[in-house]
PDB file of N, CA and C in Angstrom:
ATOM      1  N   MET A   1    -112.765-167.496  47.685  1.00  0.00           N
ATOM      2  CA  MET A   1    -112.166-168.826  47.649  1.00  0.00           C
ATOM      3  C   MET A   1    -111.832-169.232  46.215  1.00  0.00           C
ATOM      4  N   THR A   2    -112.644-168.806  45.264  1.00  0.00           N
ATOM      5  CA  THR A   2    -112.388-169.153  43.870  1.00  0.00           C
ATOM      6  C   THR A   2    -111.080-168.527  43.395  1.00  0.00           C
ATOM      7  N   ALA A   3    -110.817-167.291  43.798  1.00  0.00           N
ATOM      8  CA  ALA A   3    -109.569-166.636  43.410  1.00  0.00           C
ATOM      9  C   ALA A   3    -108.374-167.405  43.955  1.00  0.00           C
ATOM     10  N   MET A   4    -108.497-167.924  45.178  1.00  0.00           N
ATOM     11  CA  MET A   4    -107.417-168.708  45.780  1.00  0.00           C
ATOM     12  C   MET A   4    -107.195-169.984  44.977  1.00  0.00           C
ATOM     13  N   LYS A   5    -108.280-170.655  44.593  1.00  0.00           N
ATOM     14  CA  LYS A   5    -108.158-171.882  43.814  1.00  0.00           C
ATOM     15  C   LYS A   5    -107.530-171.599  42.451  1.00  0.00           C
ATOM     16  N   ASN A   6    -107.905-170.493  41.813  1.00  0.00           N
ATOM     17  CA  ASN A   6    -107.317-170.133  40.527  1.00  0.00           C
ATOM     18  C   ASN A   6    -105.824-169.853  40.681  1.00  0.00           C
ATOM     19  N   SER A   7    -105.460-169.123  41.717  1.00  0.00           N
ATOM     20  CA  SER A   7    -104.051-168.840  41.988  1.00  0.00           C
ATOM     21  C   SER A   7    -103.287-170.133  42.248  1.00  0.00           C
ATOM     22  N   GLU A   8    -103.901-170.990  43.032  1.00  0.00           N
ATOM     23  CA  GLU A   8    -103.279-172.278  43.358  1.00  0.00           C
ATOM     24  C   GLU A   8    -103.013-173.090  42.090  1.00  0.00           C
ATOM     25  N   LYS A   9    -104.017-173.201  41.228  1.00  0.00           N
ATOM     26  CA  LYS A   9    -103.862-173.970  39.989  1.00  0.00           C
ATOM     27  C   LYS A   9    -102.790-173.365  39.089  1.00  0.00           C
ATOM     28  N   LYS A  10    -102.788-172.043  38.975  1.00  0.00           N
ATOM     29  CA  LYS A  10    -101.819-171.371  38.119  1.00  0.00           C
ATOM     30  C   LYS A  10    -100.402-171.590  38.644  1.00  0.00           C
ATOM     31  N   ILE A  11    -100.202-171.404  39.936  1.00  0.00           N
ATOM     32  CA  ILE A  11     -98.878-171.561  40.531  1.00  0.00           C
ATOM     33  C   ILE A  11     -98.401-173.004  40.418  1.00  0.00           C
ATOM     34  N   ILE A  12     -99.267-173.962  40.699  1.00  0.00           N
ATOM     35  CA  ILE A  12     -98.881-175.371  40.584  1.00  0.00           C
ATOM     36  C   ILE A  12     -98.546-175.720  39.145  1.00  0.00           C
ATOM     37  N   SER A  13     -99.295-175.190  38.208  1.00  0.00           N
ATOM     38  CA  SER A  13     -99.024-175.447  36.797  1.00  0.00           C
ATOM     39  C   SER A  13     -97.657-174.898  36.390  1.00  0.00           C
ATOM     40  N   ILE A  14     -97.369-173.672  36.783  1.00  0.00           N
ATOM     41  CA  ILE A  14     -96.083-173.044  36.468  1.00  0.00           C
ATOM     42  C   ILE A  14     -94.948-173.807  37.148  1.00  0.00           C
ATOM     43  N   LEU A  15     -95.154-174.185  38.402  1.00  0.00           N
ATOM     44  CA  LEU A  15     -94.141-174.922  39.155  1.00  0.00           C
ATOM     45  C   LEU A  15     -93.864-176.279  38.513  1.00  0.00           C
ATOM     46  N   ALA A  16     -94.916-176.986  38.145  1.00  0.00           N
ATOM     47  CA  ALA A  16     -94.753-178.308  37.530  1.00  0.00           C
ATOM     48  C   ALA A  16     -93.932-178.208  36.248  1.00  0.00           C
ATOM     49  N   GLU A  17     -94.253-177.220  35.427  1.00  0.00           N
ATOM     50  CA  GLU A  17     -93.507-177.029  34.190  1.00  0.00           C
ATOM     51  C   GLU A  17     -92.060-176.646  34.488  1.00  0.00           C
ATOM     52  N   SER A  18     -91.865-175.822  35.495  1.00  0.00           N
ATOM     53  CA  SER A  18     -90.530-175.344  35.855  1.00  0.00           C
ATOM     54  C   SER A  18     -89.609-176.478  36.303  1.00  0.00           C
ATOM     55  N   ILE A  19     -90.145-177.414  37.086  1.00  0.00           N
ATOM     56  CA  ILE A  19     -89.291-178.492  37.608  1.00  0.00           C
ATOM     57  C   ILE A  19     -89.465-179.805  36.857  1.00  0.00           C
ATOM     58  N   GLY A  20     -90.355-179.825  35.862  1.00  0.00           N
ATOM     59  CA  GLY A  20     -90.482-180.995  35.009  1.00  0.00           C
ATOM     60  C   GLY A  20     -91.236-182.165  35.610  1.00  0.00           C
ATOM     61  N   VAL A  21     -92.333-181.871  36.330  1.00  0.00           N
ATOM     62  CA  VAL A  21     -93.183-182.935  36.869  1.00  0.00           C
ATOM     63  C   VAL A  21     -94.630-182.654  36.483  1.00  0.00           C
ATOM     64  N   ASP A  22     -95.497-183.643  36.686  1.00  0.00           N
ATOM     65  CA  ASP A  22     -96.924-183.454  36.437  1.00  0.00           C
ATOM     66  C   ASP A  22     -97.542-182.652  37.577  1.00  0.00           C
ATOM     67  N   THR A  23     -98.582-181.897  37.248  1.00  0.00           N
ATOM     68  CA  THR A  23     -99.262-181.106  38.283  1.00  0.00           C
ATOM     69  C   THR A  23     -99.816-181.998  39.387  1.00  0.00           C
ATOM     70  N   GLU A  24    -100.194-183.221  39.051  1.00  0.00           N
ATOM     71  CA  GLU A  24    -100.743-184.148  40.051  1.00  0.00           C
ATOM     72  C   GLU A  24     -99.699-184.553  41.089  1.00  0.00           C
ATOM     73  N   ASP A  25     -98.426-184.358  40.747  1.00  0.00           N
ATOM     74  CA  ASP A  25     -97.343-184.736  41.654  1.00  0.00           C
ATOM     75  C   ASP A  25     -97.009-183.634  42.663  1.00  0.00           C
ATOM     76  N   ILE A  26     -97.715-182.510  42.567  1.00  0.00           N
ATOM     77  CA  ILE A  26     -97.456-181.386  43.469  1.00  0.00           C
ATOM     78  C   ILE A  26     -98.682-181.142  44.341  1.00  0.00           C
ATOM     79  N   SER A  27     -98.436-181.039  45.637  1.00  0.00           N
ATOM     80  CA  SER A  27     -99.484-180.747  46.611  1.00  0.00           C
ATOM     81  C   SER A  27     -99.196-179.377  47.222  1.00  0.00           C
ATOM     82  N   VAL A  28    -100.229-178.691  47.673  1.00  0.00           N
ATOM     83  CA  VAL A  28    -100.011-177.388  48.310  1.00  0.00           C
ATOM     84  C   VAL A  28     -99.214-177.519  49.601  1.00  0.00           C
ATOM     85  N   GLU A  29     -99.176-178.704  50.180  1.00  0.00           N
ATOM     86  CA  GLU A  29     -98.406-178.924  51.401  1.00  0.00           C
ATOM     87  C   GLU A  29     -96.932-179.193  51.123  1.00  0.00           C
ATOM     88  N   ASP A  30     -96.561-179.409  49.866  1.00  0.00           N
ATOM     89  CA  ASP A  30     -95.168-179.698  49.520  1.00  0.00           C
ATOM     90  C   ASP A  30     -94.258-178.521  49.844  1.00  0.00           C
ATOM     91  N   THR A  31     -93.081-178.851  50.379  1.00  0.00           N
ATOM     92  CA  THR A  31     -92.066-177.830  50.599  1.00  0.00           C
ATOM     93  C   THR A  31     -91.180-177.767  49.359  1.00  0.00           C
ATOM     94  N   PHE A  32     -90.683-176.569  49.077  1.00  0.00           N
ATOM     95  CA  PHE A  32     -89.856-176.385  47.881  1.00  0.00           C
ATOM     96  C   PHE A  32     -88.555-177.174  47.964  1.00  0.00           C
ATOM     97  N   VAL A  33     -87.892-177.124  49.108  1.00  0.00           N
ATOM     98  CA  VAL A  33     -86.574-177.741  49.234  1.00  0.00           C
ATOM     99  C   VAL A  33     -86.671-179.241  49.529  1.00  0.00           C
ATOM    100  N   ASP A  34     -87.420-179.616  50.571  1.00  0.00           N
ATOM    101  CA  ASP A  34     -87.440-181.018  50.991  1.00  0.00           C
ATOM    102  C   ASP A  34     -88.288-181.911  50.083  1.00  0.00           C
ATOM    103  N   ASP A  35     -89.489-181.471  49.751  1.00  0.00           N
ATOM    104  CA  ASP A  35     -90.391-182.320  48.958  1.00  0.00           C
ATOM    105  C   ASP A  35     -90.148-182.222  47.454  1.00  0.00           C
ATOM    106  N   LEU A  36     -89.896-181.012  46.984  1.00  0.00           N
ATOM    107  CA  LEU A  36     -89.745-180.800  45.543  1.00  0.00           C
ATOM    108  C   LEU A  36     -88.273-180.745  45.119  1.00  0.00           C
ATOM    109  N   HIS A  37     -87.374-180.822  46.098  1.00  0.00           N
ATOM    110  CA  HIS A  37     -85.926-180.890  45.846  1.00  0.00           C
ATOM    111  C   HIS A  37     -85.421-179.755  44.965  1.00  0.00           C
ATOM    112  N   MET A  38     -85.888-178.538  45.267  1.00  0.00           N
ATOM    113  CA  MET A  38     -85.476-177.369  44.492  1.00  0.00           C
ATOM    114  C   MET A  38     -84.234-176.743  45.114  1.00  0.00           C
ATOM    115  N   SER A  39     -83.259-176.466  44.279  1.00  0.00           N
ATOM    116  CA  SER A  39     -82.029-175.799  44.715  1.00  0.00           C
ATOM    117  C   SER A  39     -82.244-174.291  44.663  1.00  0.00           C
ATOM    118  N   ALA A  40     -81.252-173.554  45.111  1.00  0.00           N
ATOM    119  CA  ALA A  40     -81.318-172.088  45.034  1.00  0.00           C
ATOM    120  C   ALA A  40     -81.456-171.641  43.582  1.00  0.00           C
ATOM    121  N   ALA A  41     -80.761-172.317  42.681  1.00  0.00           N
ATOM    122  CA  ALA A  41     -80.866-171.978  41.256  1.00  0.00           C
ATOM    123  C   ALA A  41     -82.270-172.248  40.733  1.00  0.00           C
ATOM    124  N   ASP A  42     -82.870-173.364  41.156  1.00  0.00           N
ATOM    125  CA  ASP A  42     -84.249-173.681  40.751  1.00  0.00           C
ATOM    126  C   ASP A  42     -85.215-172.613  41.251  1.00  0.00           C
ATOM    127  N   LEU A  43     -85.030-172.172  42.489  1.00  0.00           N
ATOM    128  CA  LEU A  43     -85.905-171.148  43.062  1.00  0.00           C
ATOM    129  C   LEU A  43     -85.741-169.816  42.343  1.00  0.00           C
ATOM    130  N   THR A  44     -84.513-169.485  41.972  1.00  0.00           N
ATOM    131  CA  THR A  44     -84.269-168.254  41.215  1.00  0.00           C
ATOM    132  C   THR A  44     -84.985-168.305  39.871  1.00  0.00           C
ATOM    133  N   ASP A  45     -84.827-169.424  39.174  1.00  0.00           N
ATOM    134  CA  ASP A  45     -85.499-169.595  37.881  1.00  0.00           C
ATOM    135  C   ASP A  45     -87.015-169.521  38.041  1.00  0.00           C
ATOM    136  N   PHE A  46     -87.527-170.167  39.080  1.00  0.00           N
ATOM    137  CA  PHE A  46     -88.968-170.184  39.335  1.00  0.00           C
ATOM    138  C   PHE A  46     -89.486-168.780  39.626  1.00  0.00           C
ATOM    139  N   ALA A  47     -88.741-168.004  40.417  1.00  0.00           N
ATOM    140  CA  ALA A  47     -89.142-166.620  40.722  1.00  0.00           C
ATOM    141  C   ALA A  47     -89.203-165.797  39.435  1.00  0.00           C
ATOM    142  N   THR A  48     -88.235-165.996  38.555  1.00  0.00           N
ATOM    143  CA  THR A  48     -88.219-165.282  37.274  1.00  0.00           C
ATOM    144  C   THR A  48     -89.418-165.669  36.423  1.00  0.00           C
ATOM    145  N   ILE A  49     -89.709-166.947  36.369  1.00  0.00           N
ATOM    146  CA  ILE A  49     -90.863-167.422  35.589  1.00  0.00           C
ATOM    147  C   ILE A  49     -92.153-166.840  36.155  1.00  0.00           C
ATOM    148  N   LEU A  50     -92.289-166.833  37.471  1.00  0.00           N
ATOM    149  CA  LEU A  50     -93.491-166.270  38.103  1.00  0.00           C
ATOM    150  C   LEU A  50     -93.658-164.800  37.731  1.00  0.00           C
ATOM    151  N   ARG A  51     -92.563-164.046  37.794  1.00  0.00           N
ATOM    152  CA  ARG A  51     -92.636-162.619  37.433  1.00  0.00           C
ATOM    153  C   ARG A  51     -93.029-162.458  35.966  1.00  0.00           C
ATOM    154  N   ASN A  52     -92.490-163.303  35.101  1.00  0.00           N
ATOM    155  CA  ASN A  52     -92.844-163.250  33.675  1.00  0.00           C
ATOM    156  C   ASN A  52     -94.312-163.578  33.439  1.00  0.00           C
ATOM    157  N   GLU A  53     -94.901-164.336  34.363  1.00  0.00           N
ATOM    158  CA  GLU A  53     -96.320-164.692  34.274  1.00  0.00           C
ATOM    159  C   GLU A  53     -97.217-163.675  34.978  1.00  0.00           C
ATOM    160  N   GLY A  54     -96.613-162.591  35.457  1.00  0.00           N
ATOM    161  CA  GLY A  54     -97.400-161.540  36.091  1.00  0.00           C
ATOM    162  C   GLY A  54     -97.621-161.713  37.579  1.00  0.00           C
ATOM    163  N   ILE A  55     -96.886-162.647  38.190  1.00  0.00           N
ATOM    164  CA  ILE A  55     -97.000-162.866  39.637  1.00  0.00           C
ATOM    165  C   ILE A  55     -95.824-162.169  40.301  1.00  0.00           C
ATOM    166  N   ASP A  56     -96.123-161.162  41.115  1.00  0.00           N
ATOM    167  CA  ASP A  56     -95.101-160.315  41.720  1.00  0.00           C
ATOM    168  C   ASP A  56     -94.478-160.995  42.930  1.00  0.00           C
ATOM    169  N   ILE A  57     -93.312-161.600  42.729  1.00  0.00           N
ATOM    170  CA  ILE A  57     -92.591-162.244  43.829  1.00  0.00           C
ATOM    171  C   ILE A  57     -91.093-162.124  43.542  1.00  0.00           C
ATOM    172  N   SER A  58     -90.328-161.808  44.543  1.00  0.00           N
ATOM    173  CA  SER A  58     -88.878-161.736  44.361  1.00  0.00           C
ATOM    174  C   SER A  58     -88.255-163.051  44.815  1.00  0.00           C
ATOM    175  N   PHE A  59     -87.009-163.268  44.413  1.00  0.00           N
ATOM    176  CA  PHE A  59     -86.284-164.455  44.857  1.00  0.00           C
ATOM    177  C   PHE A  59     -86.195-164.473  46.378  1.00  0.00           C
ATOM    178  N   GLU A  60     -85.936-163.311  46.964  1.00  0.00           N
ATOM    179  CA  GLU A  60     -85.811-163.224  48.424  1.00  0.00           C
ATOM    180  C   GLU A  60     -87.123-163.602  49.107  1.00  0.00           C
ATOM    181  N   ASP A  61     -88.241-163.099  48.560  1.00  0.00           N
ATOM    182  CA  ASP A  61     -89.543-163.453  49.124  1.00  0.00           C
ATOM    183  C   ASP A  61     -89.792-164.951  48.992  1.00  0.00           C
ATOM    184  N   LEU A  62     -89.454-165.493  47.834  1.00  0.00           N
ATOM    185  CA  LEU A  62     -89.701-166.912  47.580  1.00  0.00           C
ATOM    186  C   LEU A  62     -88.884-167.790  48.514  1.00  0.00           C
ATOM    187  N   THR A  63     -87.643-167.428  48.782  1.00  0.00           N
ATOM    188  CA  THR A  63     -86.813-168.250  49.663  1.00  0.00           C
ATOM    189  C   THR A  63     -87.269-168.189  51.118  1.00  0.00           C
ATOM    190  N   ASP A  64     -88.043-167.163  51.467  1.00  0.00           N
ATOM    191  CA  ASP A  64     -88.600-167.080  52.821  1.00  0.00           C
ATOM    192  C   ASP A  64     -89.803-168.003  53.008  1.00  0.00           C
ATOM    193  N   LEU A  65     -90.358-168.483  51.911  1.00  0.00           N
ATOM    194  CA  LEU A  65     -91.535-169.346  51.964  1.00  0.00           C
ATOM    195  C   LEU A  65     -91.109-170.805  51.978  1.00  0.00           C
ATOM    196  N   GLU A  66     -91.872-171.628  52.691  1.00  0.00           N
ATOM    197  CA  GLU A  66     -91.519-173.045  52.770  1.00  0.00           C
ATOM    198  C   GLU A  66     -92.351-173.912  51.844  1.00  0.00           C
ATOM    199  N   THR A  67     -93.655-173.643  51.763  1.00  0.00           N
ATOM    200  CA  THR A  67     -94.540-174.542  51.035  1.00  0.00           C
ATOM    201  C   THR A  67     -95.212-173.853  49.856  1.00  0.00           C
ATOM    202  N   VAL A  68     -95.763-174.665  48.981  1.00  0.00           N
ATOM    203  CA  VAL A  68     -96.537-174.154  47.850  1.00  0.00           C
ATOM    204  C   VAL A  68     -97.710-173.328  48.380  1.00  0.00           C
ATOM    205  N   SER A  69     -98.332-173.797  49.448  1.00  0.00           N
ATOM    206  CA  SER A  69     -99.449-173.078  50.060  1.00  0.00           C
ATOM    207  C   SER A  69     -99.034-171.685  50.522  1.00  0.00           C
ATOM    208  N   ASP A  70     -97.840-171.572  51.109  1.00  0.00           N
ATOM    209  CA  ASP A  70     -97.324-170.261  51.531  1.00  0.00           C
ATOM    210  C   ASP A  70     -97.242-169.311  50.340  1.00  0.00           C
ATOM    211  N   LEU A  71     -96.774-169.822  49.208  1.00  0.00           N
ATOM    212  CA  LEU A  71     -96.649-169.000  48.012  1.00  0.00           C
ATOM    213  C   LEU A  71     -98.022-168.577  47.500  1.00  0.00           C
ATOM    214  N   VAL A  72     -98.964-169.503  47.472  1.00  0.00           N
ATOM    215  CA  VAL A  72    -100.323-169.181  47.014  1.00  0.00           C
ATOM    216  C   VAL A  72    -100.924-168.092  47.892  1.00  0.00           C
ATOM    217  N   GLU A  73    -100.788-168.240  49.214  1.00  0.00           N
ATOM    218  CA  GLU A  73    -101.340-167.245  50.144  1.00  0.00           C
ATOM    219  C   GLU A  73    -100.674-165.886  49.956  1.00  0.00           C
ATOM    220  N   THR A  74     -99.365-165.874  49.818  1.00  0.00           N
ATOM    221  CA  THR A  74     -98.622-164.619  49.661  1.00  0.00           C
ATOM    222  C   THR A  74     -99.017-163.905  48.380  1.00  0.00           C
ATOM    223  N   THR A  75     -99.091-164.626  47.282  1.00  0.00           N
ATOM    224  CA  THR A  75     -99.432-163.989  46.014  1.00  0.00           C
ATOM    225  C   THR A  75    -100.886-163.556  45.997  1.00  0.00           C
ATOM    226  N   SER A  76    -101.758-164.308  46.636  1.00  0.00           N
ATOM    227  CA  SER A  76    -103.169-163.917  46.707  1.00  0.00           C
ATOM    228  C   SER A  76    -103.334-162.649  47.524  1.00  0.00           C
ATOM    229  N   LEU A  77    -102.571-162.528  48.616  1.00  0.00           N
ATOM    230  CA  LEU A  77    -102.632-161.332  49.442  1.00  0.00           C
ATOM    231  C   LEU A  77    -102.147-160.114  48.654  1.00  0.00           C
ATOM    232  N   LYS A  78    -101.080-160.276  47.894  1.00  0.00           N
ATOM    233  CA  LYS A  78    -100.569-159.165  47.091  1.00  0.00           C
ATOM    234  C   LYS A  78    -101.580-158.738  46.052  1.00  0.00           C
ATOM    235  N   GLU A  79    -102.287-159.698  45.430  1.00  0.00           N
ATOM    236  CA  GLU A  79    -103.297-159.375  44.433  1.00  0.00           C
ATOM    237  C   GLU A  79    -104.461-158.628  45.063  1.00  0.00           C
ATOM    238  N   ASP A  80    -104.837-159.019  46.282  1.00  0.00           N
ATOM    239  CA  ASP A  80    -105.946-158.356  46.976  1.00  0.00           C
ATOM    240  C   ASP A  80    -105.584-156.917  47.323  1.00  0.00           C
ATOM    241  N   ILE A  81    -104.320-156.679  47.634  1.00  0.00           N
ATOM    242  CA  ILE A  81    -103.879-155.352  48.049  1.00  0.00           C
ATOM    243  C   ILE A  81    -103.817-154.403  46.871  1.00  0.00           C
ATOM    244  N   SER A  82    -103.367-154.908  45.724  1.00  0.00           N
ATOM    245  CA  SER A  82    -103.170-154.020  44.574  1.00  0.00           C
ATOM    246  C   SER A  82    -104.454-153.678  43.854  1.00  0.00           C
TER     247      SER A  82
END
């Protein structure tokens, strides 16, 4: 559970910086498009930033996810596998 919380904090921190909001303004239940108002360009930039931070996710994978929680779960699963 601690690894999940660390992943969650890291992803929310990166996301907040990427879209220019405070981390407190992002919830794991937030959707990228409806709640965080991210465009395809924003998602592409975010995927690139995540990869630069060592989080293995492609733009295609990211667009298949709806919520911040989905992303945390997906990246945590990939870390467990590798």
